[in-house]
């Protein structure tokens, strides 16, 4: 078997493994297997499409969409990924709901980091209501409930997360920690006391294995009332003395011994609880510290998705010749070219090389005409697109005219920003010199 055949064989092996795991909702395991499949052979369309479905099943719609877009670029025809993409594109309302849930999730991370658990819970509750398969939201919600001590709500959240992904490591770890926190300390034994038993001729005092028997004074016949009274008093004094010097020290010792055992037991329990709570707090801090990274990754994925959508959509209009240059440029300037795959980048470059040169010339002229007529909003609309296509058009003169249009329309903030960009990026040009002077004037 040649090397290429071995690589494809290994890729298909891990794809089949991922498919088995996905069928039993072992989604985390399926993701691991499918990623390994793509490591062996990145053009495995079936593995990439299934990976997108698994991400979608966990509520990670953006990650799934990225995989399908990559798949569609690898095989533009006869690819079910194209059907998945179109289905999502047609469901604009659903995409907006998912996007809103992701924003609420990221906001809740920031709120949790600030200690605003109640506000974070409100955001996460709304997020899982709008996006019921969002596993990460359920996990974070459970973690916050654990920190608040609400074990029932935490358990409910983890149960839902487990039903969505049977082997997610974070869900299993949180469930284990919640179980450990739920264990009650051992019941404290009842402290032994002093038991008194009376018989006809004696009174017995029992303390553990020790028994003290005191005869009843009435059992002896005294000759006089005074002697009887004295004997009663002497007996009472002896009884009190016995209690104070013989029985009570033993009782106090045993009670103190049991109390010390209880204190030690409670101290151990508290130390265990503190350790568990600190571990959960550390986990939460790590979870929250990733919020910026998660937000950046989500933003990058969203930008990539939008770039692909714009190119695929505009390319159809470009071929059909049913859209104006102005409308096409308005969208193409928002594309991030470096995020595109090879075939999509080729489509983008084809359109840019055909549309931009003629659009720059025409829109520059229209922008100047509007500026000279005092129609600054229209001048801004035209010139802003020219700058989006080429900042250095006419050696920065167009960018400078845009800055002046902002200034004359009263938008000094955008005017300053434009002047600063010209002075910083187009140094050595007459436009940069004029922009620097304008900045000093606006200070």
Protein backbone atom coordinates (compact mmCIF):
# COMPACT_ATOMS: atom_id res chain seq x y z
CA UNK A 1 0.00 0.00 0.00
CA UNK A 2 1.44 3.36 -1.06
CA UNK A 3 1.83 6.28 1.32
CA UNK A 4 -1.15 8.22 -0.09
CA UNK A 5 -3.42 5.19 0.23
CA UNK A 6 -2.31 4.68 3.85
CA UNK A 7 -3.09 8.31 4.69
CA UNK A 8 -6.57 8.10 3.13
CA UNK A 9 -7.17 4.78 4.90
CA UNK A 10 -6.29 6.30 8.28
CA UNK A 11 -8.47 9.33 7.56
CA UNK A 12 -11.44 7.10 6.72
CA UNK A 13 -10.82 4.99 9.83
CA UNK A 14 -11.08 8.03 12.10
CA UNK A 15 -14.09 9.30 10.12
CA UNK A 16 -15.92 6.02 10.78
CA UNK A 17 -14.95 6.24 14.44
CA UNK A 18 -16.32 9.79 14.61
CA UNK A 19 -19.53 8.68 12.89
CA UNK A 20 -20.08 5.91 15.47
CA UNK A 21 -19.56 8.34 18.33
CA UNK A 22 -21.84 10.95 16.79
CA UNK A 23 -24.63 8.35 16.48
CA UNK A 24 -24.59 7.82 20.27
CA UNK A 25 -24.24 11.59 20.96
CA UNK A 26 -20.64 11.26 22.06
CA UNK A 27 -20.10 14.60 20.35
CA UNK A 28 -16.84 15.51 22.10
CA UNK A 29 -15.34 12.18 21.14
CA UNK A 30 -16.66 12.59 17.61
CA UNK A 31 -14.99 16.01 17.29
CA UNK A 32 -11.65 14.53 18.40
CA UNK A 33 -11.89 11.65 15.92
CA UNK A 34 -13.00 13.84 13.00
CA UNK A 35 -10.23 16.37 13.61
CA UNK A 36 -7.76 13.49 13.58
CA UNK A 37 -9.30 12.29 10.32
CA UNK A 38 -8.74 15.73 8.78
CA UNK A 39 -5.17 15.79 10.08
CA UNK A 40 -4.44 12.74 7.93
CA UNK A 41 -6.36 14.02 4.90
CA UNK A 42 -7.70 17.60 4.97
CA UNK A 43 -9.74 17.06 1.77
CA UNK A 44 -11.93 14.39 3.38
CA UNK A 45 -15.25 16.05 2.52
CA UNK A 46 -17.40 13.56 4.45
CA UNK A 47 -15.36 14.09 7.64
CA UNK A 48 -15.47 17.88 7.33
CA UNK A 49 -19.22 17.92 6.70
CA UNK A 50 -19.83 15.61 9.66
CA UNK A 51 -17.61 17.78 11.86
CA UNK A 52 -19.79 20.75 10.92
CA UNK A 53 -22.91 18.79 11.87
CA UNK A 54 -21.41 17.78 15.21
CA UNK A 55 -20.52 21.40 16.00
CA UNK A 56 -24.07 22.38 15.00
CA UNK A 57 -25.46 19.68 17.30
CA UNK A 58 -23.56 21.22 20.23
CA UNK A 59 -25.04 24.62 19.44
CA UNK A 60 -21.76 25.93 17.97
CA UNK A 61 -23.36 27.11 14.74
CA UNK A 62 -20.56 29.44 13.64
CA UNK A 63 -17.91 26.71 13.95
CA UNK A 64 -20.11 24.34 11.99
CA UNK A 65 -20.75 26.92 9.27
CA UNK A 66 -17.01 27.53 8.85
CA UNK A 67 -16.41 23.81 8.27
CA UNK A 68 -19.20 23.69 5.65
CA UNK A 69 -17.86 26.76 3.86
CA UNK A 70 -14.40 25.20 3.71
CA UNK A 71 -15.97 21.99 2.41
CA UNK A 72 -17.94 23.87 -0.25
CA UNK A 73 -14.76 25.53 -1.47
CA UNK A 74 -12.95 22.20 -1.65
CA UNK A 75 -15.80 20.67 -3.67
CA UNK A 76 -18.10 23.31 -5.22
CA UNK A 77 -20.40 20.71 -6.81
CA UNK A 78 -22.25 17.66 -5.55
CA UNK A 79 -21.60 18.61 -1.93
CA UNK A 80 -24.27 18.49 0.78
CA UNK A 81 -22.44 21.27 2.63
CA UNK A 82 -23.82 23.70 0.05
CA UNK A 83 -27.34 22.61 1.04
CA UNK A 84 -26.51 23.20 4.73
CA UNK A 85 -25.17 26.69 3.98
CA UNK A 86 -28.19 27.66 1.90
CA UNK A 87 -30.54 26.35 4.57
CA UNK A 88 -28.86 28.61 7.14
CA UNK A 89 -28.81 31.55 4.75
CA UNK A 90 -32.54 31.22 4.14
CA UNK A 91 -33.20 31.14 7.88
CA UNK A 92 -32.06 34.70 8.56
CA UNK A 93 -34.20 34.97 11.67
CA UNK A 94 -32.70 31.78 13.08
CA UNK A 95 -29.16 33.05 12.46
CA UNK A 96 -29.98 36.30 14.22
CA UNK A 97 -31.31 34.37 17.22
CA UNK A 98 -28.16 32.24 17.38
CA UNK A 99 -25.97 35.33 17.07
CA UNK A 100 -27.92 36.98 19.89
CA UNK A 101 -27.44 33.89 22.09
CA UNK A 102 -23.67 33.95 21.47
CA UNK A 103 -23.54 37.64 22.38
CA UNK A 104 -25.46 36.94 25.60
CA UNK A 105 -23.02 34.10 26.39
CA UNK A 106 -19.99 36.36 25.92
CA UNK A 107 -21.65 39.10 27.98
CA UNK A 108 -22.36 36.61 30.78
CA UNK A 109 -18.67 35.67 30.86
CA UNK A 110 -17.78 39.30 31.50
CA UNK A 111 -20.50 39.62 34.13
CA UNK A 112 -19.29 36.47 35.90
CA UNK A 113 -15.74 37.82 35.90
CA UNK A 114 -17.06 40.99 37.55
CA UNK A 115 -18.94 38.97 40.17
CA UNK A 116 -22.40 39.86 38.83
CA UNK A 117 -23.68 36.28 39.00
CA UNK A 118 -27.38 37.18 39.01
CA UNK A 119 -27.07 39.25 35.83
CA UNK A 120 -24.98 36.51 34.22
CA UNK A 121 -27.68 33.95 35.07
CA UNK A 122 -30.33 36.16 33.45
CA UNK A 123 -28.28 36.43 30.25
CA UNK A 124 -27.47 32.70 30.12
CA UNK A 125 -31.05 31.68 30.87
CA UNK A 126 -32.21 33.79 27.93
CA UNK A 127 -29.40 32.38 25.76
CA UNK A 128 -30.35 28.72 26.34
CA UNK A 129 -34.02 29.60 25.89
CA UNK A 130 -33.29 31.08 22.47
CA UNK A 131 -30.65 28.46 21.55
CA UNK A 132 -31.56 25.22 23.41
CA UNK A 133 -28.59 23.15 22.13
CA UNK A 134 -25.90 25.60 23.34
CA UNK A 135 -23.79 23.22 25.47
CA UNK A 136 -21.23 25.83 26.60
CA UNK A 137 -23.99 28.09 27.91
CA UNK A 138 -25.47 25.27 30.02
CA UNK A 139 -22.00 24.49 31.42
CA UNK A 140 -21.27 28.08 32.40
CA UNK A 141 -24.75 28.45 33.89
CA UNK A 142 -24.20 25.31 35.98
CA UNK A 143 -20.81 26.58 37.16
CA UNK A 144 -22.29 29.88 38.32
CA UNK A 145 -25.12 28.07 40.13
CA UNK A 146 -22.50 25.91 41.90
CA UNK A 147 -20.67 29.04 43.00
CA UNK A 148 -23.95 30.42 44.35
CA UNK A 149 -24.66 27.13 46.15
CA UNK A 150 -27.81 26.36 44.13
CA UNK A 151 -27.14 22.65 43.60
CA UNK A 152 -30.59 21.81 42.19
CA UNK A 153 -30.39 24.35 39.35
CA UNK A 154 -26.78 23.36 38.64
CA UNK A 155 -27.79 19.72 38.44
CA UNK A 156 -30.62 20.52 36.01
CA UNK A 157 -28.26 22.46 33.73
CA UNK A 158 -25.68 19.68 33.75
CA UNK A 159 -28.38 17.11 33.00
CA UNK A 160 -29.37 19.01 29.85
CA UNK A 161 -25.73 19.47 28.81
CA UNK A 162 -25.13 15.74 29.30
CA UNK A 163 -28.13 14.85 27.17
CA UNK A 164 -26.71 17.02 24.36
CA UNK A 165 -23.17 15.61 24.60
CA UNK A 166 -22.77 12.38 26.56
CA UNK A 167 -19.00 12.53 27.10
CA UNK A 168 -18.11 16.21 27.29
CA UNK A 169 -15.20 16.33 29.74
CA UNK A 170 -16.22 19.62 31.32
CA UNK A 171 -19.80 18.45 31.93
CA UNK A 172 -18.58 15.22 33.53
CA UNK A 173 -16.09 17.07 35.73
CA UNK A 174 -18.70 19.56 36.94
CA UNK A 175 -21.12 16.72 37.67
CA UNK A 176 -18.47 14.94 39.73
CA UNK A 177 -17.66 18.08 41.70
CA UNK A 178 -21.36 18.72 42.31
CA UNK A 179 -21.76 15.15 43.60
CA UNK A 180 -18.81 15.58 45.95
CA UNK A 181 -20.21 18.85 47.28
CA UNK A 182 -23.56 17.17 47.83
CA UNK A 183 -22.23 14.56 50.26
CA UNK A 184 -23.32 15.31 53.84
CA UNK A 185 -20.80 14.97 56.67
CA UNK A 186 -21.09 11.87 58.89
CA UNK A 187 -23.74 12.15 61.56
CA UNK A 188 -22.33 13.07 64.96
CA UNK A 189 -23.00 10.47 67.64
CA UNK A 190 -25.15 11.49 70.57
CA UNK A 191 -23.07 12.24 73.64
CA UNK A 192 -23.54 9.75 76.50
CA UNK A 193 -25.19 11.11 79.64
CA UNK A 194 -25.69 10.18 83.21
CA UNK A 195 -28.34 7.51 83.75
CA UNK A 196 -30.01 7.11 87.13
CA UNK A 197 -31.80 3.92 88.16
CA UNK A 198 -33.72 3.63 91.37
CA UNK A 199 -34.50 0.47 93.28
CA UNK A 200 -36.20 -0.11 96.55
CA UNK A 201 -33.10 0.10 98.68
CA UNK A 202 -30.57 1.97 96.55
CA UNK A 203 -30.00 4.61 93.91
CA UNK A 204 -27.56 3.69 91.07
CA UNK A 205 -25.65 6.32 89.04
CA UNK A 206 -24.38 4.94 85.70
CA UNK A 207 -21.78 6.73 83.57
CA UNK A 208 -20.48 4.48 80.82
CA UNK A 209 -19.20 1.30 82.44
CA UNK A 210 -18.95 2.89 85.92
CA UNK A 211 -21.82 2.44 88.38
CA UNK A 212 -22.06 4.11 91.78
CA UNK A 213 -24.66 2.81 94.20
CA UNK A 214 -25.86 4.94 97.07
CA UNK A 215 -28.01 3.30 99.77
CA UNK A 216 -31.39 4.87 100.50
CA UNK A 217 -31.34 6.44 103.89
CA UNK A 218 -34.86 5.35 104.50
CA UNK A 219 -33.66 1.72 104.60
CA UNK A 220 -32.06 2.27 107.99
CA UNK A 221 -34.27 2.81 111.04
CA UNK A 222 -32.99 5.69 113.15
CA UNK A 223 -33.96 6.11 116.71
CA UNK A 224 -34.62 9.78 116.68
CA UNK A 225 -35.88 12.36 114.22
CA UNK A 226 -32.73 14.45 114.67
CA UNK A 227 -30.51 11.55 113.77
CA UNK A 228 -32.68 10.90 110.72
CA UNK A 229 -32.43 14.53 109.67
CA UNK A 230 -28.67 14.53 110.19
CA UNK A 231 -28.31 11.38 108.18
CA UNK A 232 -30.33 12.90 105.36
CA UNK A 233 -28.18 16.04 105.35
CA UNK A 234 -24.96 14.01 105.54
CA UNK A 235 -26.21 11.76 102.72
CA UNK A 236 -27.06 14.76 100.57
CA UNK A 237 -23.65 16.30 101.19
CA UNK A 238 -21.93 13.00 100.39
CA UNK A 239 -24.06 12.67 97.25
CA UNK A 240 -23.12 16.14 96.08
CA UNK A 241 -19.46 15.49 96.87
CA UNK A 242 -19.56 12.22 94.94
CA UNK A 243 -21.14 14.00 91.99
CA UNK A 244 -18.60 16.82 92.07
CA UNK A 245 -15.41 14.86 92.66
CA UNK A 246 -16.08 11.41 91.22
CA UNK A 247 -18.84 11.46 88.60
CA UNK A 248 -18.76 14.96 87.05
CA UNK A 249 -15.06 14.95 86.09
CA UNK A 250 -15.64 11.75 84.11
CA UNK A 251 -18.72 13.17 82.44
CA UNK A 252 -16.94 16.43 81.59
CA UNK A 253 -13.93 14.54 80.25
CA UNK A 254 -16.04 12.30 78.02
CA UNK A 255 -18.14 15.24 76.81
CA UNK A 256 -15.06 17.29 76.03
CA UNK A 257 -13.52 14.34 74.21
CA UNK A 258 -16.63 13.98 72.02
CA UNK A 259 -16.73 17.75 71.40
CA UNK A 260 -13.08 17.69 70.33
CA UNK A 261 -13.85 14.84 67.93
CA UNK A 262 -16.74 16.84 66.50
CA UNK A 263 -14.54 19.92 66.06
CA UNK A 264 -11.91 17.87 64.26
CA UNK A 265 -14.57 16.30 62.04
CA UNK A 266 -16.13 19.67 61.23
CA UNK A 267 -12.68 21.15 60.54
CA UNK A 268 -11.92 18.34 58.09
CA UNK A 269 -15.30 18.80 56.39
CA UNK A 270 -14.80 22.56 56.11
CA UNK A 271 -11.30 22.09 54.72
CA UNK A 272 -12.65 19.63 52.15
CA UNK A 273 -15.46 21.99 51.17
CA UNK A 274 -13.04 24.92 50.88
CA UNK A 275 -10.76 22.87 48.65
CA UNK A 276 -13.65 21.88 46.40
CA UNK A 277 -15.02 25.42 46.24
CA UNK A 278 -11.57 26.86 45.52
CA UNK A 279 -11.12 24.32 42.73
CA UNK A 280 -14.45 25.34 41.23
CA UNK A 281 -13.60 29.03 41.59
CA UNK A 282 -10.29 28.39 39.84
CA UNK A 283 -12.12 26.55 37.07
CA UNK A 284 -14.53 29.46 36.74
CA UNK A 285 -11.68 31.97 36.64
CA UNK A 286 -10.00 29.97 33.88
CA UNK A 287 -13.32 29.71 32.08
CA UNK A 288 -13.91 33.45 32.38
CA UNK A 289 -10.31 34.33 31.43
CA UNK A 290 -10.99 32.73 28.07
CA UNK A 291 -13.84 35.15 27.39
CA UNK A 292 -11.67 37.56 25.40
CA UNK A 293 -10.22 34.70 23.38
CA UNK A 294 -13.67 33.21 22.81
CA UNK A 295 -15.04 36.58 21.75
CA UNK A 296 -12.10 37.14 19.39
CA UNK A 297 -12.51 33.66 17.88
CA UNK A 298 -16.24 34.22 17.46
CA UNK A 299 -15.60 37.59 15.81
CA UNK A 300 -13.02 36.06 13.46
CA UNK A 301 -15.37 33.22 12.55
CA UNK A 302 -18.21 35.70 11.97
CA UNK A 303 -15.98 37.88 9.74
CA UNK A 304 -14.89 34.82 7.78
CA UNK A 305 -18.49 33.71 7.34
CA UNK A 306 -19.59 37.16 6.19
CA UNK A 307 -16.68 37.40 3.75
CA UNK A 308 -17.59 34.08 2.14
CA UNK A 309 -21.26 35.04 1.95
CA UNK A 310 -20.50 38.38 0.32
CA UNK A 311 -18.18 36.89 -2.32
CA UNK A 312 -20.50 33.97 -3.15
CA UNK A 313 -23.51 36.29 -3.40
CA UNK A 314 -21.86 39.10 -5.37
CA UNK A 315 -20.15 36.68 -7.75
CA UNK A 316 -23.57 35.42 -8.89
CA UNK A 317 -24.71 39.00 -9.59
CA UNK A 318 -21.37 39.77 -11.26
CA UNK A 319 -21.80 36.85 -13.67
CA UNK A 320 -25.46 37.69 -14.28
CA UNK A 321 -24.59 41.39 -14.72
CA UNK A 322 -27.73 42.37 -12.80
CA UNK A 323 -26.24 44.63 -10.08
CA UNK A 324 -24.69 48.09 -10.28
CA UNK A 325 -20.99 48.66 -9.61
CA UNK A 326 -21.90 50.91 -6.68
CA UNK A 327 -23.94 48.17 -4.98
CA UNK A 328 -21.28 45.51 -5.59
CA UNK A 329 -18.45 47.70 -4.32
CA UNK A 330 -20.52 48.63 -1.23
CA UNK A 331 -20.31 44.99 -0.16
CA UNK A 332 -16.92 43.94 -1.54
CA UNK A 333 -15.07 46.58 0.51
CA UNK A 334 -16.22 44.69 3.64
CA UNK A 335 -14.54 41.42 2.58
CA UNK A 336 -11.45 40.18 4.43
CA UNK A 337 -9.45 38.66 1.54
CA UNK A 338 -6.94 36.76 3.72
CA UNK A 339 -9.81 34.79 5.31
CA UNK A 340 -10.91 33.32 1.96
CA UNK A 341 -10.05 29.92 0.59
CA UNK A 342 -8.23 29.45 -2.69
CA UNK A 343 -11.22 29.17 -5.02
CA UNK A 344 -13.23 31.92 -3.29
CA UNK A 345 -10.19 34.21 -3.27
CA UNK A 346 -9.88 33.65 -7.03
CA UNK A 347 -13.51 34.76 -7.50
CA UNK A 348 -12.88 37.81 -5.31
CA UNK A 349 -9.72 38.80 -7.21
CA UNK A 350 -11.53 38.39 -10.52
CA UNK A 351 -14.29 40.79 -9.49
CA UNK A 352 -11.95 43.32 -7.89
CA UNK A 353 -9.67 43.51 -10.92
CA UNK A 354 -12.70 44.13 -13.18
CA UNK A 355 -14.87 46.39 -11.02
CA UNK A 356 -12.48 48.48 -8.89
CA UNK A 357 -10.54 50.38 -11.61
CA UNK A 358 -13.64 51.68 -13.40
CA UNK A 359 -15.48 52.30 -10.10
CA UNK A 360 -12.64 54.34 -8.60
CA UNK A 361 -12.60 56.71 -11.56
CA UNK A 362 -16.39 57.10 -11.75
CA UNK A 363 -17.01 57.42 -8.00
CA UNK A 364 -14.14 59.88 -7.57
CA UNK A 365 -15.71 62.13 -10.20
CA UNK A 366 -19.20 61.78 -8.68
CA UNK A 367 -17.80 62.52 -5.22
CA UNK A 368 -16.07 65.69 -6.39
CA UNK A 369 -19.21 66.88 -8.14
CA UNK A 370 -21.30 66.34 -5.00
CA UNK A 371 -18.63 68.05 -2.85
CA UNK A 372 -18.50 71.12 -5.11
CA UNK A 373 -22.30 71.31 -5.02
CA UNK A 374 -22.27 71.27 -1.21
CA UNK A 375 -23.98 67.85 -1.09
CA UNK A 376 -21.58 66.50 1.52
CA UNK A 377 -23.57 63.34 2.51
CA UNK A 378 -23.54 62.15 -1.10
CA UNK A 379 -19.87 63.07 -1.44
CA UNK A 380 -19.10 61.00 1.66
CA UNK A 381 -21.03 57.99 0.28
CA UNK A 382 -19.04 58.05 -2.97
CA UNK A 383 -15.60 58.94 -1.60
CA UNK A 384 -15.79 56.49 1.29
CA UNK A 385 -16.11 53.61 -1.18
CA UNK A 386 -13.18 54.92 -3.22
CA UNK A 387 -11.02 55.00 -0.09
CA UNK A 388 -12.22 51.49 0.76
CA UNK A 389 -10.96 50.31 -2.61
CA UNK A 390 -7.69 52.29 -2.56
CA UNK A 391 -6.58 54.59 0.29
CA UNK A 392 -3.84 56.12 -1.81
CA UNK A 393 -6.06 56.98 -4.79
CA UNK A 394 -4.66 60.06 -6.54
CA UNK A 395 -1.83 60.12 -3.99
CA UNK A 396 -4.26 60.58 -1.10
CA UNK A 397 -6.21 63.46 -2.65
CA UNK A 398 -9.47 61.47 -2.57
CA UNK A 399 -8.96 60.53 1.10
CA UNK A 400 -8.24 64.19 1.89
CA UNK A 401 -11.42 65.25 0.09
CA UNK A 402 -13.37 62.72 2.16
CA UNK A 403 -11.92 64.18 5.38
CA UNK A 404 -12.88 67.68 4.27
CA UNK A 405 -16.42 66.47 3.45
CA UNK A 406 -16.70 65.08 6.99
CA UNK A 407 -15.46 68.37 8.43
CA UNK A 408 -17.82 70.53 6.37
CA UNK A 409 -20.78 68.28 7.32
CA UNK A 410 -19.97 68.88 11.00
CA UNK A 411 -18.69 65.36 11.69
CA UNK A 412 -15.39 66.38 13.30
CA UNK A 413 -14.76 62.98 14.89
CA UNK A 414 -14.64 61.17 11.55
CA UNK A 415 -12.78 64.12 10.03
CA UNK A 416 -10.02 63.87 12.67
CA UNK A 417 -9.83 60.10 12.21
CA UNK A 418 -9.44 60.51 8.45
CA UNK A 419 -6.79 63.24 8.80
CA UNK A 420 -4.85 61.08 11.29
CA UNK A 421 -4.94 58.10 8.92
CA UNK A 422 -3.72 60.20 6.00
CA UNK A 423 -0.90 61.74 8.04
CA UNK A 424 0.15 58.33 9.38
CA UNK A 425 -0.20 56.13 6.29
CA UNK A 426 0.54 58.50 3.41
CA UNK A 427 3.62 60.27 4.71
CA UNK A 428 5.65 62.25 2.19
CA UNK A 429 2.63 63.25 0.12
CA UNK A 430 1.03 66.67 -0.19
CA UNK A 431 -2.18 65.15 1.24
CA UNK A 432 -0.33 64.13 4.42
CA UNK A 433 1.06 67.66 4.88
CA UNK A 434 -2.40 69.19 4.45
CA UNK A 435 -3.90 66.61 6.84
CA UNK A 436 -1.34 67.45 9.56
CA UNK A 437 -2.20 71.15 9.27
CA UNK A 438 -5.91 70.34 9.46
CA UNK A 439 -5.36 68.32 12.65
CA UNK A 440 -3.64 71.28 14.29
CA UNK A 441 -6.56 73.48 13.27
CA UNK A 442 -9.14 71.09 14.76
CA UNK A 443 -7.36 70.67 18.09
